[in-house]
N, C-alpha and C. Protein backbone atom coordinates (compact mmCIF):
# COMPACT_ATOMS: atom_id res chain seq x y z
N MET A 1 42.13 9.74 -84.59
CA MET A 1 41.52 10.31 -83.39
C MET A 1 40.26 9.54 -82.98
N GLU A 2 39.49 9.12 -83.97
CA GLU A 2 38.26 8.37 -83.66
C GLU A 2 38.58 7.04 -82.96
N GLU A 3 39.67 6.40 -83.39
CA GLU A 3 40.05 5.13 -82.77
C GLU A 3 40.37 5.32 -81.29
N LEU A 4 41.06 6.40 -80.96
CA LEU A 4 41.38 6.66 -79.56
C LEU A 4 40.11 6.86 -78.74
N LYS A 5 39.16 7.59 -79.29
CA LYS A 5 37.90 7.81 -78.57
C LYS A 5 37.20 6.49 -78.29
N LYS A 6 37.18 5.59 -79.26
CA LYS A 6 36.54 4.29 -79.07
C LYS A 6 37.23 3.51 -77.94
N ASP A 7 38.56 3.54 -77.94
CA ASP A 7 39.29 2.83 -76.89
C ASP A 7 38.93 3.36 -75.52
N VAL A 8 38.87 4.66 -75.39
CA VAL A 8 38.55 5.26 -74.08
C VAL A 8 37.14 4.86 -73.66
N GLN A 9 36.20 4.87 -74.57
CA GLN A 9 34.82 4.54 -74.23
C GLN A 9 34.66 3.08 -73.81
N THR A 10 35.47 2.18 -74.38
CA THR A 10 35.34 0.77 -74.02
C THR A 10 36.08 0.46 -72.72
N VAL A 11 37.18 1.14 -72.46
CA VAL A 11 37.97 0.86 -71.26
C VAL A 11 37.38 1.55 -70.03
N ASN A 12 36.91 2.77 -70.19
CA ASN A 12 36.47 3.56 -69.05
C ASN A 12 35.43 2.87 -68.15
N PRO A 13 34.37 2.28 -68.68
CA PRO A 13 33.40 1.61 -67.81
C PRO A 13 34.03 0.51 -66.96
N LEU A 14 35.02 -0.17 -67.51
CA LEU A 14 35.70 -1.21 -66.73
C LEU A 14 36.45 -0.60 -65.55
N LEU A 15 37.13 0.51 -65.79
CA LEU A 15 37.86 1.17 -64.71
C LEU A 15 36.90 1.68 -63.66
N VAL A 16 35.80 2.26 -64.10
CA VAL A 16 34.80 2.78 -63.15
C VAL A 16 34.21 1.64 -62.33
N ALA A 17 33.89 0.53 -62.99
CA ALA A 17 33.32 -0.61 -62.28
C ALA A 17 34.31 -1.15 -61.25
N GLN A 18 35.58 -1.22 -61.62
CA GLN A 18 36.60 -1.71 -60.69
C GLN A 18 36.71 -0.78 -59.49
N HIS A 19 36.68 0.53 -59.75
CA HIS A 19 36.77 1.51 -58.67
C HIS A 19 35.57 1.39 -57.75
N HIS A 20 34.38 1.23 -58.32
CA HIS A 20 33.17 1.10 -57.50
C HIS A 20 33.22 -0.16 -56.65
N LYS A 21 33.73 -1.25 -57.22
CA LYS A 21 33.81 -2.51 -56.48
C LYS A 21 34.71 -2.33 -55.26
N THR A 22 35.87 -1.72 -55.46
CA THR A 22 36.79 -1.51 -54.35
C THR A 22 36.16 -0.59 -53.31
N PHE A 23 35.50 0.46 -53.79
CA PHE A 23 34.86 1.42 -52.88
C PHE A 23 33.78 0.73 -52.04
N LEU A 24 32.94 -0.08 -52.69
CA LEU A 24 31.87 -0.77 -51.97
C LEU A 24 32.44 -1.75 -50.96
N GLU A 25 33.53 -2.44 -51.32
CA GLU A 25 34.15 -3.37 -50.38
C GLU A 25 34.65 -2.62 -49.15
N ASN A 26 35.25 -1.44 -49.36
CA ASN A 26 35.74 -0.64 -48.24
C ASN A 26 34.59 -0.19 -47.36
N VAL A 27 33.48 0.21 -47.96
CA VAL A 27 32.30 0.65 -47.19
C VAL A 27 31.76 -0.51 -46.37
N GLN A 28 31.70 -1.70 -46.96
CA GLN A 28 31.21 -2.87 -46.24
C GLN A 28 32.12 -3.17 -45.05
N ASP A 29 33.44 -3.07 -45.25
CA ASP A 29 34.38 -3.32 -44.16
C ASP A 29 34.14 -2.33 -43.02
N LEU A 30 33.93 -1.07 -43.35
CA LEU A 30 33.66 -0.06 -42.32
C LEU A 30 32.36 -0.38 -41.60
N GLY A 31 31.34 -0.81 -42.34
CA GLY A 31 30.05 -1.15 -41.73
C GLY A 31 30.21 -2.31 -40.76
N ILE A 32 31.01 -3.30 -41.12
CA ILE A 32 31.24 -4.45 -40.25
C ILE A 32 31.97 -4.00 -38.98
N LEU A 33 32.95 -3.13 -39.13
CA LEU A 33 33.68 -2.64 -37.97
C LEU A 33 32.77 -1.87 -37.03
N LYS A 34 31.87 -1.06 -37.58
CA LYS A 34 30.97 -0.25 -36.76
C LYS A 34 29.97 -1.12 -36.01
N LYS A 35 29.61 -2.29 -36.59
CA LYS A 35 28.60 -3.15 -35.96
C LYS A 35 29.15 -3.88 -34.74
N ARG A 36 30.45 -4.01 -34.63
CA ARG A 36 31.02 -4.73 -33.49
C ARG A 36 30.72 -3.95 -32.21
N PRO A 37 30.15 -4.60 -31.22
CA PRO A 37 29.69 -3.90 -30.02
C PRO A 37 30.82 -3.31 -29.19
N LEU A 38 31.86 -4.11 -28.92
CA LEU A 38 32.94 -3.64 -28.06
C LEU A 38 34.30 -4.02 -28.63
N PRO A 39 35.31 -3.16 -28.43
CA PRO A 39 36.67 -3.50 -28.87
C PRO A 39 37.17 -4.80 -28.23
N SER A 40 36.72 -5.11 -27.02
CA SER A 40 37.18 -6.32 -26.34
C SER A 40 36.79 -7.57 -27.11
N SER A 41 35.66 -7.54 -27.81
CA SER A 41 35.24 -8.71 -28.59
C SER A 41 36.21 -8.97 -29.74
N MET A 42 36.82 -7.90 -30.27
CA MET A 42 37.81 -8.06 -31.33
C MET A 42 39.08 -8.69 -30.77
N GLU A 43 39.45 -8.32 -29.56
CA GLU A 43 40.66 -8.87 -28.94
C GLU A 43 40.52 -10.36 -28.70
N GLU A 44 39.34 -10.81 -28.31
CA GLU A 44 39.11 -12.23 -28.05
C GLU A 44 39.27 -13.07 -29.31
N LYS A 45 38.84 -12.52 -30.46
CA LYS A 45 38.89 -13.28 -31.71
C LYS A 45 40.31 -13.42 -32.23
N SER A 46 41.16 -12.43 -31.99
CA SER A 46 42.52 -12.48 -32.56
C SER A 46 43.53 -13.05 -31.60
């Protein structure tokens, strides 16, 4: 049982860090989208 607890404690921070990284990337993407002044400027780029 102790071995299982050790495994969980070592793996969990990695999973949390990965989740936070993805979450922060999504927040940054939303921030970039909100900063665009007009939808027409997006149409010109694509």
